[in-house]
Amino acid sequence: MSTSQTSIASAAVHVIGQYNDAGKTLVGAYRTGVQRLLDGAASRYSDFLGQRELPLVNDKIKANLIGAQAKVNGFLANRLEIDTGRIVSVMDRVATGTTSGIESVAHRVAQVESPVATSVINALSAVNQPFATVSVQIADRIAAGARQIEVRVAGTEEAKPVRTVKAKAAAVKKPVRRAAARKAA
């Protein structure tokens, strides 16, 4: 197998790994964000009940309401862990299957002995190498961006400001009046 074939296969495996890591990082950020939301809601609910004198609601009823809220919060947190764990498991299976498929194809290409096929493969590899390099760079940036999102959602460090890119506004076309167009024809 030529070095360009090896580097294209390794680039593809790297890209798959980076996208898998980015996906798992985003799932982790989602889990963290939802857990923070649940904890915040439980805290506000407890504070609300504790600080208010509500008619027909004594301390025992308040404790029962807070306990019920804690059970609901626990159930939702448990479901969150189970569901996000399943998502990560599926992502890992897809990444493993894709990676093994790429490695299998690369291994089979390396076994080609025909000079004509080898020259075609080398030419295709040379043409596609720049795309592989750009794909690796994009995957690395996506993974880094996912990590920044995770840090921002977790609130553990001060997040860097997000750079925004301004897009050009699309040109507005005047609507064509069909009745006027038919009369003119």
N, C-alpha and C. Protein backbone atom coordinates (compact mmCIF):
# COMPACT_ATOMS: atom_id res chain seq x y z
N MET A 1 0.86 -1.17 0.00
CA MET A 1 0.00 0.00 0.00
C MET A 1 0.91 1.23 0.00
N SER A 2 0.58 2.22 -0.84
CA SER A 2 1.40 3.42 -0.89
C SER A 2 1.14 4.27 0.35
N THR A 3 2.06 5.23 0.56
CA THR A 3 1.89 6.08 1.75
C THR A 3 0.68 6.99 1.64
N SER A 4 0.30 7.39 0.40
CA SER A 4 -0.89 8.23 0.27
C SER A 4 -2.15 7.44 0.58
N GLN A 5 -2.15 6.15 0.22
CA GLN A 5 -3.30 5.31 0.56
C GLN A 5 -3.37 5.13 2.07
N THR A 6 -2.21 4.92 2.68
CA THR A 6 -2.16 4.77 4.13
C THR A 6 -2.63 6.04 4.81
N SER A 7 -2.17 7.19 4.32
CA SER A 7 -2.54 8.44 4.97
C SER A 7 -4.01 8.78 4.74
N ILE A 8 -4.56 8.40 3.60
CA ILE A 8 -5.99 8.62 3.38
C ILE A 8 -6.81 7.74 4.31
N ALA A 9 -6.43 6.48 4.44
CA ALA A 9 -7.14 5.58 5.35
C ALA A 9 -6.99 6.05 6.79
N SER A 10 -5.79 6.46 7.19
CA SER A 10 -5.60 6.92 8.56
C SER A 10 -6.33 8.24 8.79
N ALA A 11 -6.39 9.09 7.75
CA ALA A 11 -7.15 10.33 7.87
C ALA A 11 -8.64 10.03 8.06
N ALA A 12 -9.14 9.06 7.31
CA ALA A 12 -10.55 8.70 7.44
C ALA A 12 -10.84 8.14 8.83
N VAL A 13 -9.95 7.31 9.33
CA VAL A 13 -10.13 6.74 10.67
C VAL A 13 -10.05 7.85 11.72
N HIS A 14 -9.13 8.79 11.52
CA HIS A 14 -9.01 9.92 12.44
C HIS A 14 -10.29 10.77 12.44
N VAL A 15 -10.81 11.03 11.25
CA VAL A 15 -12.03 11.84 11.15
C VAL A 15 -13.19 11.14 11.85
N ILE A 16 -13.32 9.84 11.65
CA ILE A 16 -14.39 9.09 12.32
C ILE A 16 -14.22 9.18 13.83
N GLY A 17 -12.99 9.03 14.30
CA GLY A 17 -12.72 9.13 15.74
C GLY A 17 -13.04 10.51 16.29
N GLN A 18 -12.66 11.54 15.56
CA GLN A 18 -12.93 12.91 16.03
C GLN A 18 -14.43 13.20 16.06
N TYR A 19 -15.15 12.77 15.03
CA TYR A 19 -16.60 12.98 15.02
C TYR A 19 -17.27 12.19 16.14
N ASN A 20 -16.78 11.00 16.40
CA ASN A 20 -17.34 10.21 17.50
C ASN A 20 -17.07 10.91 18.83
N ASP A 21 -15.84 11.38 19.01
CA ASP A 21 -15.51 12.11 20.25
C ASP A 21 -16.35 13.38 20.38
N ALA A 22 -16.51 14.10 19.27
CA ALA A 22 -17.32 15.33 19.32
C ALA A 22 -18.77 15.01 19.67
N GLY A 23 -19.29 13.95 19.08
CA GLY A 23 -20.67 13.56 19.38
C GLY A 23 -20.83 13.18 20.84
N LYS A 24 -19.88 12.39 21.35
CA LYS A 24 -19.96 12.00 22.76
C LYS A 24 -19.79 13.20 23.69
N THR A 25 -18.95 14.14 23.28
CA THR A 25 -18.77 15.36 24.07
C THR A 25 -20.06 16.16 24.11
N LEU A 26 -20.74 16.26 22.96
CA LEU A 26 -22.00 17.00 22.92
C LEU A 26 -23.09 16.29 23.73
N VAL A 27 -23.09 14.97 23.69
CA VAL A 27 -24.05 14.22 24.53
C VAL A 27 -23.75 14.47 26.00
N GLY A 28 -22.47 14.50 26.35
CA GLY A 28 -22.08 14.81 27.73
C GLY A 28 -22.49 16.22 28.13
N ALA A 29 -22.33 17.17 27.22
CA ALA A 29 -22.76 18.54 27.50
C ALA A 29 -24.27 18.61 27.67
N TYR A 30 -24.99 17.87 26.85
CA TYR A 30 -26.45 17.81 26.98
C TYR A 30 -26.83 17.25 28.34
N ARG A 31 -26.18 16.15 28.72
CA ARG A 31 -26.45 15.52 30.01
C ARG A 31 -26.19 16.50 31.15
N THR A 32 -25.06 17.19 31.09
CA THR A 32 -24.70 18.16 32.12
C THR A 32 -25.71 19.30 32.17
N GLY A 33 -26.09 19.79 31.01
CA GLY A 33 -27.05 20.90 30.96
C GLY A 33 -28.40 20.52 31.51
N VAL A 34 -28.89 19.35 31.14
CA VAL A 34 -30.20 18.90 31.64
C VAL A 34 -30.12 18.65 33.15
N GLN A 35 -29.02 18.08 33.62
CA GLN A 35 -28.85 17.83 35.05
C GLN A 35 -28.83 19.15 35.81
N ARG A 36 -28.14 20.15 35.28
CA ARG A 36 -28.14 21.47 35.92
C ARG A 36 -29.55 22.06 35.94
N LEU A 37 -30.28 21.87 34.87
CA LEU A 37 -31.65 22.36 34.80
C LEU A 37 -32.52 21.68 35.85
N LEU A 38 -32.41 20.36 35.96
CA LEU A 38 -33.18 19.62 36.95
C LEU A 38 -32.82 20.05 38.38
N ASP A 39 -31.53 20.18 38.64
CA ASP A 39 -31.09 20.59 39.97
C ASP A 39 -31.56 22.00 40.29
N GLY A 40 -31.49 22.88 39.32
CA GLY A 40 -31.95 24.26 39.53
C GLY A 40 -33.44 24.32 39.80
N ALA A 41 -34.21 23.55 39.04
CA ALA A 41 -35.67 23.54 39.24
C ALA A 41 -36.00 22.98 40.61
N ALA A 42 -35.33 21.92 41.03
CA ALA A 42 -35.58 21.34 42.35
C ALA A 42 -35.23 22.33 43.45
N SER A 43 -34.13 23.02 43.28
CA SER A 43 -33.71 24.00 44.28
C SER A 43 -34.70 25.15 44.37
N ARG A 44 -35.13 25.66 43.24
CA ARG A 44 -36.10 26.77 43.25
C ARG A 44 -37.44 26.33 43.84
N TYR A 45 -37.84 25.12 43.54
CA TYR A 45 -39.10 24.58 44.08
C TYR A 45 -39.03 24.46 45.60
N SER A 46 -37.91 23.92 46.08
CA SER A 46 -37.74 23.79 47.53
C SER A 46 -37.69 25.16 48.20
N ASP A 47 -36.98 26.09 47.59
CA ASP A 47 -36.91 27.45 48.15
C ASP A 47 -38.28 28.11 48.15
N PHE A 48 -39.02 27.92 47.07
CA PHE A 48 -40.35 28.51 46.98
C PHE A 48 -41.25 27.99 48.10
N LEU A 49 -41.28 26.69 48.26
CA LEU A 49 -42.14 26.11 49.30
C LEU A 49 -41.66 26.48 50.70
N GLY A 50 -40.36 26.54 50.90
CA GLY A 50 -39.82 26.83 52.22
C GLY A 50 -40.02 28.27 52.65
N GLN A 51 -40.05 29.17 51.72
CA GLN A 51 -40.15 30.59 52.06
C GLN A 51 -41.58 31.12 52.07
N ARG A 52 -42.53 30.37 51.69
CA ARG A 52 -43.90 30.87 51.58
C ARG A 52 -44.79 30.23 52.65
N GLU A 53 -45.70 31.02 53.11
CA GLU A 53 -46.78 30.51 53.96
C GLU A 53 -47.99 30.34 53.04
N LEU A 54 -48.29 29.11 52.73
CA LEU A 54 -49.39 28.82 51.82
C LEU A 54 -50.59 28.33 52.62
N PRO A 55 -51.78 28.77 52.26
CA PRO A 55 -52.97 28.32 53.00
C PRO A 55 -53.15 26.80 52.83
N LEU A 56 -53.53 26.15 53.88
CA LEU A 56 -53.80 24.71 53.92
C LEU A 56 -52.57 23.84 53.68
N VAL A 57 -51.38 24.44 53.72
CA VAL A 57 -50.15 23.68 53.49
C VAL A 57 -49.27 23.83 54.73
N ASN A 58 -49.19 22.74 55.49
CA ASN A 58 -48.35 22.78 56.68
C ASN A 58 -46.95 22.23 56.35
N ASP A 59 -46.10 22.15 57.37
CA ASP A 59 -44.73 21.70 57.13
C ASP A 59 -44.66 20.27 56.63
N LYS A 60 -45.57 19.41 57.10
CA LYS A 60 -45.57 18.02 56.66
C LYS A 60 -45.91 17.92 55.17
N ILE A 61 -46.90 18.68 54.74
CA ILE A 61 -47.28 18.68 53.32
C ILE A 61 -46.15 19.24 52.47
N LYS A 62 -45.49 20.31 52.97
CA LYS A 62 -44.35 20.88 52.24
C LYS A 62 -43.25 19.83 52.08
N ALA A 63 -42.97 19.10 53.16
CA ALA A 63 -41.94 18.06 53.10
C ALA A 63 -42.33 16.97 52.11
N ASN A 64 -43.61 16.60 52.10
CA ASN A 64 -44.08 15.59 51.13
C ASN A 64 -43.95 16.10 49.69
N LEU A 65 -44.29 17.36 49.47
CA LEU A 65 -44.18 17.93 48.13
C LEU A 65 -42.72 17.99 47.67
N ILE A 66 -41.85 18.38 48.59
CA ILE A 66 -40.42 18.42 48.26
C ILE A 66 -39.89 17.01 48.01
N GLY A 67 -40.34 16.04 48.80
CA GLY A 67 -39.95 14.64 48.59
C GLY A 67 -40.45 14.12 47.26
N ALA A 68 -41.66 14.46 46.88
CA ALA A 68 -42.21 14.04 45.58
C ALA A 68 -41.41 14.67 44.45
N GLN A 69 -41.06 15.94 44.62
CA GLN A 69 -40.24 16.62 43.61
C GLN A 69 -38.88 15.94 43.48
N ALA A 70 -38.30 15.54 44.59
CA ALA A 70 -37.00 14.84 44.57
C ALA A 70 -37.12 13.50 43.85
N LYS A 71 -38.22 12.79 44.05
CA LYS A 71 -38.41 11.50 43.35
C LYS A 71 -38.54 11.71 41.85
N VAL A 72 -39.32 12.72 41.45
CA VAL A 72 -39.47 13.02 40.03
C VAL A 72 -38.12 13.41 39.44
N ASN A 73 -37.39 14.24 40.17
CA ASN A 73 -36.07 14.67 39.72
C ASN A 73 -35.13 13.47 39.58
N GLY A 74 -35.17 12.57 40.55
CA GLY A 74 -34.34 11.36 40.49
C GLY A 74 -34.71 10.48 39.32
N PHE A 75 -36.01 10.32 39.07
CA PHE A 75 -36.47 9.51 37.93
C PHE A 75 -35.98 10.12 36.62
N LEU A 76 -36.13 11.43 36.47
CA LEU A 76 -35.70 12.10 35.24
C LEU A 76 -34.18 12.02 35.06
N ALA A 77 -33.44 12.18 36.15
CA ALA A 77 -31.98 12.09 36.08
C ALA A 77 -31.56 10.66 35.69
N ASN A 78 -32.24 9.66 36.23
CA ASN A 78 -31.94 8.27 35.89
C ASN A 78 -32.23 8.00 34.42
N ARG A 79 -33.37 8.48 33.92
CA ARG A 79 -33.71 8.30 32.51
C ARG A 79 -32.68 9.01 31.63
N LEU A 80 -32.25 10.17 32.05
CA LEU A 80 -31.25 10.92 31.30
C LEU A 80 -29.96 10.11 31.18
N GLU A 81 -29.51 9.52 32.27
CA GLU A 81 -28.29 8.72 32.26
C GLU A 81 -28.45 7.49 31.36
N ILE A 82 -29.57 6.82 31.48
CA ILE A 82 -29.81 5.62 30.66
C ILE A 82 -29.85 5.97 29.18
N ASP A 83 -30.63 6.99 28.84
CA ASP A 83 -30.80 7.35 27.43
C ASP A 83 -29.51 7.87 26.81
N THR A 84 -28.79 8.73 27.52
CA THR A 84 -27.54 9.23 26.95
C THR A 84 -26.49 8.13 26.88
N GLY A 85 -26.52 7.20 27.83
CA GLY A 85 -25.61 6.06 27.76
C GLY A 85 -25.88 5.20 26.54
N ARG A 86 -27.14 5.03 26.21
CA ARG A 86 -27.50 4.26 25.01
C ARG A 86 -27.04 4.98 23.75
N ILE A 87 -27.21 6.28 23.73
CA ILE A 87 -26.79 7.06 22.56
C ILE A 87 -25.29 6.93 22.35
N VAL A 88 -24.53 7.05 23.43
CA VAL A 88 -23.07 6.92 23.33
C VAL A 88 -22.69 5.52 22.87
N SER A 89 -23.39 4.51 23.35
CA SER A 89 -23.12 3.14 22.94
C SER A 89 -23.36 2.96 21.44
N VAL A 90 -24.44 3.50 20.94
CA VAL A 90 -24.73 3.41 19.50
C VAL A 90 -23.66 4.15 18.70
N MET A 91 -23.28 5.31 19.18
CA MET A 91 -22.25 6.08 18.48
C MET A 91 -20.94 5.30 18.42
N ASP A 92 -20.58 4.65 19.51
CA ASP A 92 -19.36 3.85 19.53
C ASP A 92 -19.44 2.67 18.56
N ARG A 93 -20.61 2.01 18.53
CA ARG A 93 -20.77 0.89 17.60
C ARG A 93 -20.67 1.33 16.15
N VAL A 94 -21.28 2.46 15.82
CA VAL A 94 -21.21 2.98 14.45
C VAL A 94 -19.77 3.35 14.10
N ALA A 95 -19.08 4.02 15.01
CA ALA A 95 -17.69 4.41 14.76
C ALA A 95 -16.79 3.18 14.60
N THR A 96 -17.00 2.19 15.44
CA THR A 96 -16.19 0.96 15.34
C THR A 96 -16.46 0.24 14.02
N GLY A 97 -17.72 0.13 13.64
CA GLY A 97 -18.06 -0.52 12.37
C GLY A 97 -17.50 0.23 11.18
N THR A 98 -17.60 1.54 11.21
CA THR A 98 -17.09 2.35 10.11
C THR A 98 -15.58 2.25 10.02
N THR A 99 -14.93 2.33 11.16
CA THR A 99 -13.46 2.24 11.19
C THR A 99 -12.98 0.89 10.69
N SER A 100 -13.63 -0.17 11.12
CA SER A 100 -13.21 -1.50 10.66
C SER A 100 -13.47 -1.65 9.16
N GLY A 101 -14.53 -1.04 8.65
CA GLY A 101 -14.79 -1.07 7.21
C GLY A 101 -13.72 -0.34 6.43
N ILE A 102 -13.30 0.81 6.93
CA ILE A 102 -12.24 1.57 6.26
C ILE A 102 -10.94 0.77 6.27
N GLU A 103 -10.63 0.20 7.42
CA GLU A 103 -9.39 -0.58 7.52
C GLU A 103 -9.44 -1.83 6.62
N SER A 104 -10.60 -2.44 6.51
CA SER A 104 -10.75 -3.61 5.65
C SER A 104 -10.54 -3.24 4.18
N VAL A 105 -11.13 -2.13 3.76
CA VAL A 105 -10.96 -1.68 2.37
C VAL A 105 -9.50 -1.33 2.12
N ALA A 106 -8.87 -0.64 3.05
CA ALA A 106 -7.46 -0.28 2.89
C ALA A 106 -6.59 -1.52 2.79
N HIS A 107 -6.91 -2.53 3.57
CA HIS A 107 -6.15 -3.79 3.53
C HIS A 107 -6.33 -4.47 2.17
N ARG A 108 -7.54 -4.47 1.66
CA ARG A 108 -7.80 -5.10 0.36
C ARG A 108 -7.13 -4.34 -0.77
N VAL A 109 -7.13 -3.03 -0.68
CA VAL A 109 -6.46 -2.22 -1.71
C VAL A 109 -4.97 -2.50 -1.69
N ALA A 110 -4.41 -2.72 -0.52
CA ALA A 110 -2.98 -3.01 -0.41
C ALA A 110 -2.62 -4.33 -1.07
N GLN A 111 -3.58 -5.23 -1.22
CA GLN A 111 -3.32 -6.54 -1.82
C GLN A 111 -3.42 -6.54 -3.33
N VAL A 112 -3.80 -5.41 -3.91
CA VAL A 112 -3.91 -5.33 -5.37
C VAL A 112 -2.52 -5.41 -5.97
N GLU A 113 -2.37 -6.30 -6.97
CA GLU A 113 -1.05 -6.51 -7.56
C GLU A 113 -0.97 -6.04 -9.00
N SER A 114 -2.08 -5.71 -9.62
CA SER A 114 -2.08 -5.28 -11.01
C SER A 114 -1.44 -3.90 -11.13
N PRO A 115 -0.48 -3.74 -12.06
CA PRO A 115 0.17 -2.44 -12.22
C PRO A 115 -0.82 -1.35 -12.66
N VAL A 116 -1.77 -1.71 -13.51
CA VAL A 116 -2.76 -0.73 -13.97
C VAL A 116 -3.64 -0.29 -12.80
N ALA A 117 -4.14 -1.25 -12.03
CA ALA A 117 -4.98 -0.92 -10.88
C ALA A 117 -4.20 -0.11 -9.86
N THR A 118 -2.94 -0.46 -9.65
CA THR A 118 -2.11 0.27 -8.69
C THR A 118 -1.91 1.71 -9.13
N SER A 119 -1.69 1.93 -10.43
CA SER A 119 -1.50 3.31 -10.90
C SER A 119 -2.79 4.11 -10.78
N VAL A 120 -3.94 3.47 -11.04
CA VAL A 120 -5.23 4.15 -10.89
C VAL A 120 -5.47 4.50 -9.42
N ILE A 121 -5.19 3.55 -8.54
CA ILE A 121 -5.36 3.78 -7.11
C ILE A 121 -4.45 4.90 -6.63
N ASN A 122 -3.20 4.90 -7.09
CA ASN A 122 -2.26 5.95 -6.70
C ASN A 122 -2.72 7.32 -7.21
N ALA A 123 -3.24 7.36 -8.44
CA ALA A 123 -3.73 8.63 -8.99
C ALA A 123 -4.93 9.13 -8.19
N LEU A 124 -5.85 8.24 -7.88
CA LEU A 124 -7.01 8.63 -7.07
C LEU A 124 -6.59 9.08 -5.67
N SER A 125 -5.61 8.41 -5.13
CA SER A 125 -5.11 8.79 -3.81
C SER A 125 -4.48 10.18 -3.85
N ALA A 126 -3.72 10.45 -4.89
CA ALA A 126 -3.08 11.77 -5.00
C ALA A 126 -4.11 12.88 -5.14
N VAL A 127 -5.18 12.60 -5.88
CA VAL A 127 -6.23 13.61 -6.06
C VAL A 127 -7.00 13.83 -4.76
N ASN A 128 -7.22 12.76 -4.01
CA ASN A 128 -8.05 12.86 -2.80
C ASN A 128 -7.28 13.22 -1.54
N GLN A 129 -5.96 13.22 -1.58
CA GLN A 129 -5.17 13.53 -0.38
C GLN A 129 -5.47 14.92 0.18
N PRO A 130 -5.57 15.96 -0.66
CA PRO A 130 -5.90 17.29 -0.09
C PRO A 130 -7.26 17.30 0.62
N PHE A 131 -8.22 16.56 0.07
CA PHE A 131 -9.53 16.48 0.71
C PHE A 131 -9.43 15.78 2.06
N ALA A 132 -8.60 14.76 2.12
CA ALA A 132 -8.40 14.04 3.38
C ALA A 132 -7.77 14.96 4.42
N THR A 133 -6.80 15.75 3.99
CA THR A 133 -6.13 16.67 4.91
C THR A 133 -7.11 17.72 5.44
N VAL A 134 -7.92 18.28 4.56
CA VAL A 134 -8.92 19.26 4.98
C VAL A 134 -9.96 18.62 5.90
N SER A 135 -10.35 17.41 5.60
CA SER A 135 -11.32 16.70 6.44
C SER A 135 -10.78 16.50 7.85
N VAL A 136 -9.51 16.17 7.97
CA VAL A 136 -8.89 16.02 9.28
C VAL A 136 -8.91 17.34 10.04
N GLN A 137 -8.58 18.42 9.35
CA GLN A 137 -8.58 19.74 10.00
C GLN A 137 -9.99 20.13 10.45
N ILE A 138 -10.98 19.87 9.62
CA ILE A 138 -12.36 20.19 9.99
C ILE A 138 -12.80 19.35 11.18
N ALA A 139 -12.48 18.07 11.16
CA ALA A 139 -12.86 17.19 12.27
C ALA A 139 -12.20 17.63 13.57
N ASP A 140 -10.94 18.05 13.50
CA ASP A 140 -10.25 18.54 14.70
C ASP A 140 -10.93 19.80 15.25
N ARG A 141 -11.33 20.68 14.36
CA ARG A 141 -12.01 21.91 14.81
C ARG A 141 -13.38 21.61 15.40
N ILE A 142 -14.08 20.68 14.80
CA ILE A 142 -15.40 20.30 15.33
C ILE A 142 -15.26 19.70 16.72
N ALA A 143 -14.28 18.85 16.90
CA ALA A 143 -14.05 18.24 18.22
C ALA A 143 -13.66 19.31 19.24
N ALA A 144 -12.82 20.26 18.84
CA ALA A 144 -12.44 21.35 19.75
C ALA A 144 -13.65 22.22 20.09
N GLY A 145 -14.48 22.49 19.11
CA GLY A 145 -15.70 23.27 19.36
C GLY A 145 -16.65 22.56 20.29
N ALA A 146 -16.76 21.25 20.14
CA ALA A 146 -17.63 20.47 21.03
C ALA A 146 -17.11 20.53 22.46
N ARG A 147 -15.79 20.48 22.62
CA ARG A 147 -15.22 20.58 23.97
C ARG A 147 -15.50 21.96 24.57
N GLN A 148 -15.44 23.01 23.76
CA GLN A 148 -15.75 24.35 24.25
C GLN A 148 -17.21 24.45 24.68
N ILE A 149 -18.09 23.82 23.92
CA ILE A 149 -19.50 23.81 24.29
C ILE A 149 -19.68 23.09 25.61
N GLU A 150 -18.99 21.96 25.77
CA GLU A 150 -19.10 21.20 27.01
C GLU A 150 -18.65 22.03 28.21
N VAL A 151 -17.54 22.75 28.06
CA VAL A 151 -17.04 23.59 29.15
C VAL A 151 -18.03 24.70 29.46
N ARG A 152 -18.58 25.28 28.42
CA ARG A 152 -19.53 26.38 28.61
C ARG A 152 -20.79 25.89 29.32
N VAL A 153 -21.32 24.75 28.92
CA VAL A 153 -22.53 24.21 29.53
C VAL A 153 -22.27 23.80 30.98
N ALA A 154 -21.11 23.21 31.22
CA ALA A 154 -20.78 22.78 32.58
C ALA A 154 -20.56 23.97 33.50
N GLY A 155 -20.17 25.11 32.93
CA GLY A 155 -19.96 26.29 33.75
C GLY A 155 -18.74 26.17 34.65
N THR A 156 -17.80 25.30 34.29
CA THR A 156 -16.63 25.09 35.15
C THR A 156 -15.56 26.13 34.93
N GLU A 157 -15.42 26.64 33.73
CA GLU A 157 -14.44 27.66 33.42
C GLU A 157 -15.13 28.79 32.69
N GLU A 158 -14.48 29.93 32.71
CA GLU A 158 -15.03 31.05 31.98
C GLU A 158 -14.84 30.78 30.49
N ALA A 159 -15.93 30.77 29.78
CA ALA A 159 -15.88 30.44 28.36
C ALA A 159 -15.38 31.63 27.55
N LYS A 160 -14.65 31.33 26.50
CA LYS A 160 -14.18 32.37 25.60
C LYS A 160 -15.37 32.86 24.79
N PRO A 161 -15.35 34.11 24.39
CA PRO A 161 -16.47 34.60 23.59
C PRO A 161 -16.56 33.84 22.28
N VAL A 162 -17.77 33.62 21.85
CA VAL A 162 -18.01 32.89 20.62
C VAL A 162 -17.86 33.85 19.45
N ARG A 163 -17.10 33.43 18.47
CA ARG A 163 -16.90 34.24 17.28
C ARG A 163 -18.09 34.02 16.36
N THR A 164 -18.69 35.10 15.93
CA THR A 164 -19.82 34.97 15.02
C THR A 164 -19.40 35.41 13.63
N VAL A 165 -19.98 34.77 12.66
CA VAL A 165 -19.70 35.10 11.27
C VAL A 165 -20.97 35.69 10.69
N LYS A 166 -20.84 36.88 10.14
CA LYS A 166 -22.01 37.53 9.55
C LYS A 166 -22.19 37.04 8.12
N ALA A 167 -23.40 36.64 7.84
CA ALA A 167 -23.71 36.16 6.49
C ALA A 167 -24.36 37.30 5.72
N LYS A 168 -24.17 37.27 4.41
CA LYS A 168 -24.82 38.27 3.57
C LYS A 168 -26.31 37.97 3.51
N ALA A 169 -27.09 39.03 3.53
CA ALA A 169 -28.53 38.86 3.41
C ALA A 169 -28.85 38.44 1.98
N ALA A 170 -29.77 37.53 1.86
CA ALA A 170 -30.19 37.06 0.54
C ALA A 170 -30.96 38.17 -0.17
N ALA A 171 -30.74 38.27 -1.45
CA ALA A 171 -31.46 39.27 -2.23
C ALA A 171 -32.94 38.92 -2.27
N VAL A 172 -33.76 39.94 -2.07
CA VAL A 172 -35.20 39.72 -2.06
C VAL A 172 -35.72 39.90 -3.48
N LYS A 173 -36.43 38.90 -3.94
CA LYS A 173 -37.00 38.96 -5.28
C LYS A 173 -38.44 39.41 -5.17
N LYS A 174 -38.84 40.23 -6.13
CA LYS A 174 -40.23 40.66 -6.16
C LYS A 174 -41.09 39.50 -6.63
N PRO A 175 -42.23 39.32 -5.99
CA PRO A 175 -43.11 38.23 -6.45
C PRO A 175 -43.68 38.54 -7.83
N VAL A 176 -43.79 37.53 -8.63
CA VAL A 176 -44.33 37.68 -9.97
C VAL A 176 -45.83 37.48 -9.88
N ARG A 177 -46.54 38.43 -10.40
CA ARG A 177 -48.00 38.31 -10.40
C ARG A 177 -48.40 37.54 -11.64
N ARG A 178 -49.01 36.41 -11.41
CA ARG A 178 -49.36 35.51 -12.50
C ARG A 178 -50.48 36.08 -13.38
N ALA A 179 -51.41 36.78 -12.79
CA ALA A 179 -52.52 37.33 -13.58
C ALA A 179 -52.00 38.37 -14.56
N ALA A 180 -51.07 39.22 -14.09
CA ALA A 180 -50.52 40.25 -14.97
C ALA A 180 -49.67 39.62 -16.04
N ALA A 181 -48.95 38.55 -15.71
CA ALA A 181 -48.11 37.87 -16.69
C ALA A 181 -48.96 37.20 -17.76
N ARG A 182 -50.12 36.67 -17.40
CA ARG A 182 -50.98 36.01 -18.37
C ARG A 182 -51.59 37.03 -19.34
N LYS A 183 -51.96 38.21 -18.83
CA LYS A 183 -52.56 39.25 -19.68
C LYS A 183 -51.54 39.76 -20.69
N ALA A 184 -50.28 39.84 -20.27
CA ALA A 184 -49.25 40.35 -21.16
C ALA A 184 -48.97 39.37 -22.28
N ALA A 185 -49.22 38.08 -22.04
CA ALA A 185 -48.91 37.05 -23.05
C ALA A 185 -49.97 36.91 -24.06
